[in-house]
Amino acid sequence: MNDASTRSHCMFIMWVESQKPDSDTVRRAKLHLVDLAGSERIGKTGVEGKLRTEATSINLSLHYLEQVIVALHERSQGRRQHVPYRNSILTSVLRDSLGGNCR
């Protein structure tokens, strides 16, 4: 999601559409291929400046992804209604894949 850094998440979204000959039925699918950047312990590595900002952003987006996964689990058990997809771009883009809307 950051084209100027090697330390970032990478997402590839593929739309597939198929139709049988002599049929009006069209099938559509959306495939997410995601490579998540690894988390980093900023205190242990001692990074500074731009690398520290990048590491903080990566850690925060992974934290938001964790929050969404936990919220989905709690919602499946009836303990929660709201799932915080809008906390990050990563979770917003992956919303339909994470939320169980696949058929």
Protein backbone atom coordinates (compact mmCIF):
# COMPACT_ATOMS: atom_id res chain seq x y z
CA MET A 1 0.00 0.00 0.00
CA ASN A 2 3.09 2.20 0.10
CA ASP A 3 4.79 2.34 -3.30
CA ALA A 4 7.85 4.25 -2.04
CA SER A 5 9.03 1.73 0.57
CA THR A 6 10.08 -1.89 0.68
CA ARG A 7 8.51 -2.20 4.13
CA SER A 8 4.82 -2.27 3.39
CA HIS A 9 1.84 -4.51 2.82
CA CYS A 10 1.21 -5.61 -0.74
CA MET A 11 -2.26 -6.35 -2.07
CA PHE A 12 -3.27 -7.74 -5.42
CA ILE A 13 -6.98 -7.85 -6.20
CA MET A 14 -8.14 -9.96 -9.13
CA TRP A 15 -11.64 -9.90 -10.56
CA VAL A 16 -12.67 -12.99 -12.51
CA GLU A 17 -15.74 -13.20 -14.70
CA SER A 18 -16.98 -16.23 -16.58
CA GLN A 19 -19.94 -17.07 -18.75
CA LYS A 20 -20.83 -20.38 -20.38
CA PRO A 21 -21.51 -20.29 -24.09
CA ASP A 22 -25.21 -19.92 -24.89
CA SER A 23 -26.00 -18.80 -21.33
CA ASP A 24 -27.12 -15.51 -19.84
CA THR A 25 -25.65 -16.37 -16.43
CA VAL A 26 -22.46 -14.53 -15.56
CA ARG A 27 -20.36 -15.58 -12.58
CA ARG A 28 -18.09 -13.06 -10.91
CA ALA A 29 -15.44 -13.60 -8.26
CA LYS A 30 -13.00 -11.39 -6.40
CA LEU A 31 -9.68 -12.77 -5.19
CA HIS A 32 -7.42 -10.97 -2.70
CA LEU A 33 -3.75 -11.91 -2.57
CA VAL A 34 -2.19 -10.17 0.43
CA ASP A 35 1.41 -10.06 1.63
CA LEU A 36 1.48 -8.48 5.09
CA ALA A 37 4.63 -6.78 6.30
CA GLY A 38 5.93 -8.20 9.55
CA SER A 39 5.51 -6.40 12.83
CA GLU A 40 8.53 -4.83 14.45
CA ARG A 41 9.44 -4.12 18.05
CA ILE A 42 10.49 -0.52 17.76
CA GLY A 43 12.01 -0.39 21.24
CA LYS A 44 14.29 -3.38 20.63
CA THR A 45 15.46 -2.43 17.14
CA GLY A 46 16.03 1.23 17.92
CA VAL A 47 14.90 2.51 14.51
CA GLU A 48 14.53 6.26 14.09
CA GLY A 49 13.11 8.77 11.63
CA LYS A 50 11.25 7.57 8.56
CA LEU A 51 11.82 3.87 9.34
CA ARG A 52 10.27 4.38 12.78
CA THR A 53 7.21 6.03 11.22
CA GLU A 54 6.87 3.17 8.71
CA ALA A 55 7.23 0.54 11.44
CA THR A 56 4.63 2.32 13.58
CA SER A 57 2.18 2.43 10.65
CA ILE A 58 2.71 -1.25 9.87
CA ASN A 59 2.23 -2.24 13.51
CA LEU A 60 -0.92 -0.13 13.74
CA SER A 61 -2.50 -1.64 10.63
CA LEU A 62 -1.74 -5.16 11.92
CA HIS A 63 -3.31 -4.18 15.24
CA TYR A 64 -6.46 -3.00 13.44
CA LEU A 65 -6.58 -6.27 11.48
CA GLU A 66 -6.39 -8.16 14.78
CA GLN A 67 -9.23 -6.03 16.19
CA VAL A 68 -11.42 -6.91 13.20
CA ILE A 69 -10.70 -10.63 13.51
CA VAL A 70 -11.46 -10.58 17.25
CA ALA A 71 -14.66 -8.58 16.64
CA LEU A 72 -15.80 -11.07 13.97
CA HIS A 73 -15.26 -13.93 16.41
CA GLU A 74 -17.18 -12.12 19.15
CA ARG A 75 -19.99 -11.29 16.71
CA SER A 76 -20.29 -14.96 15.74
CA GLN A 77 -20.84 -15.74 19.42
CA GLY A 78 -23.45 -12.99 19.80
CA ARG A 79 -21.29 -10.85 22.12
CA ARG A 80 -20.76 -7.97 19.69
CA GLN A 81 -22.55 -6.12 16.90
CA HIS A 82 -20.00 -3.64 15.51
CA VAL A 83 -16.91 -4.69 13.55
CA PRO A 84 -14.35 -1.85 13.15
CA TYR A 85 -13.51 -2.26 9.45
CA ARG A 86 -13.07 1.48 8.89
CA ASN A 87 -10.10 1.85 11.26
CA SER A 88 -7.59 1.24 8.46
CA ILE A 89 -7.36 1.06 4.69
CA LEU A 90 -6.23 -2.57 4.92
CA THR A 91 -9.34 -3.73 6.78
CA SER A 92 -11.62 -1.57 4.63
CA VAL A 93 -10.32 -3.12 1.41
CA LEU A 94 -10.49 -6.65 2.83
CA ARG A 95 -13.94 -6.15 4.38
CA ASP A 96 -15.89 -8.41 2.02
CA SER A 97 -13.30 -11.18 2.35
CA LEU A 98 -13.03 -10.97 6.13
CA GLY A 99 -16.70 -10.52 6.90
CA GLY A 100 -18.01 -13.81 5.65
CA ASN A 101 -19.91 -12.42 2.66
CA CYS A 102 -18.40 -14.99 0.31
CA ARG A 103 -20.74 -17.38 -1.51
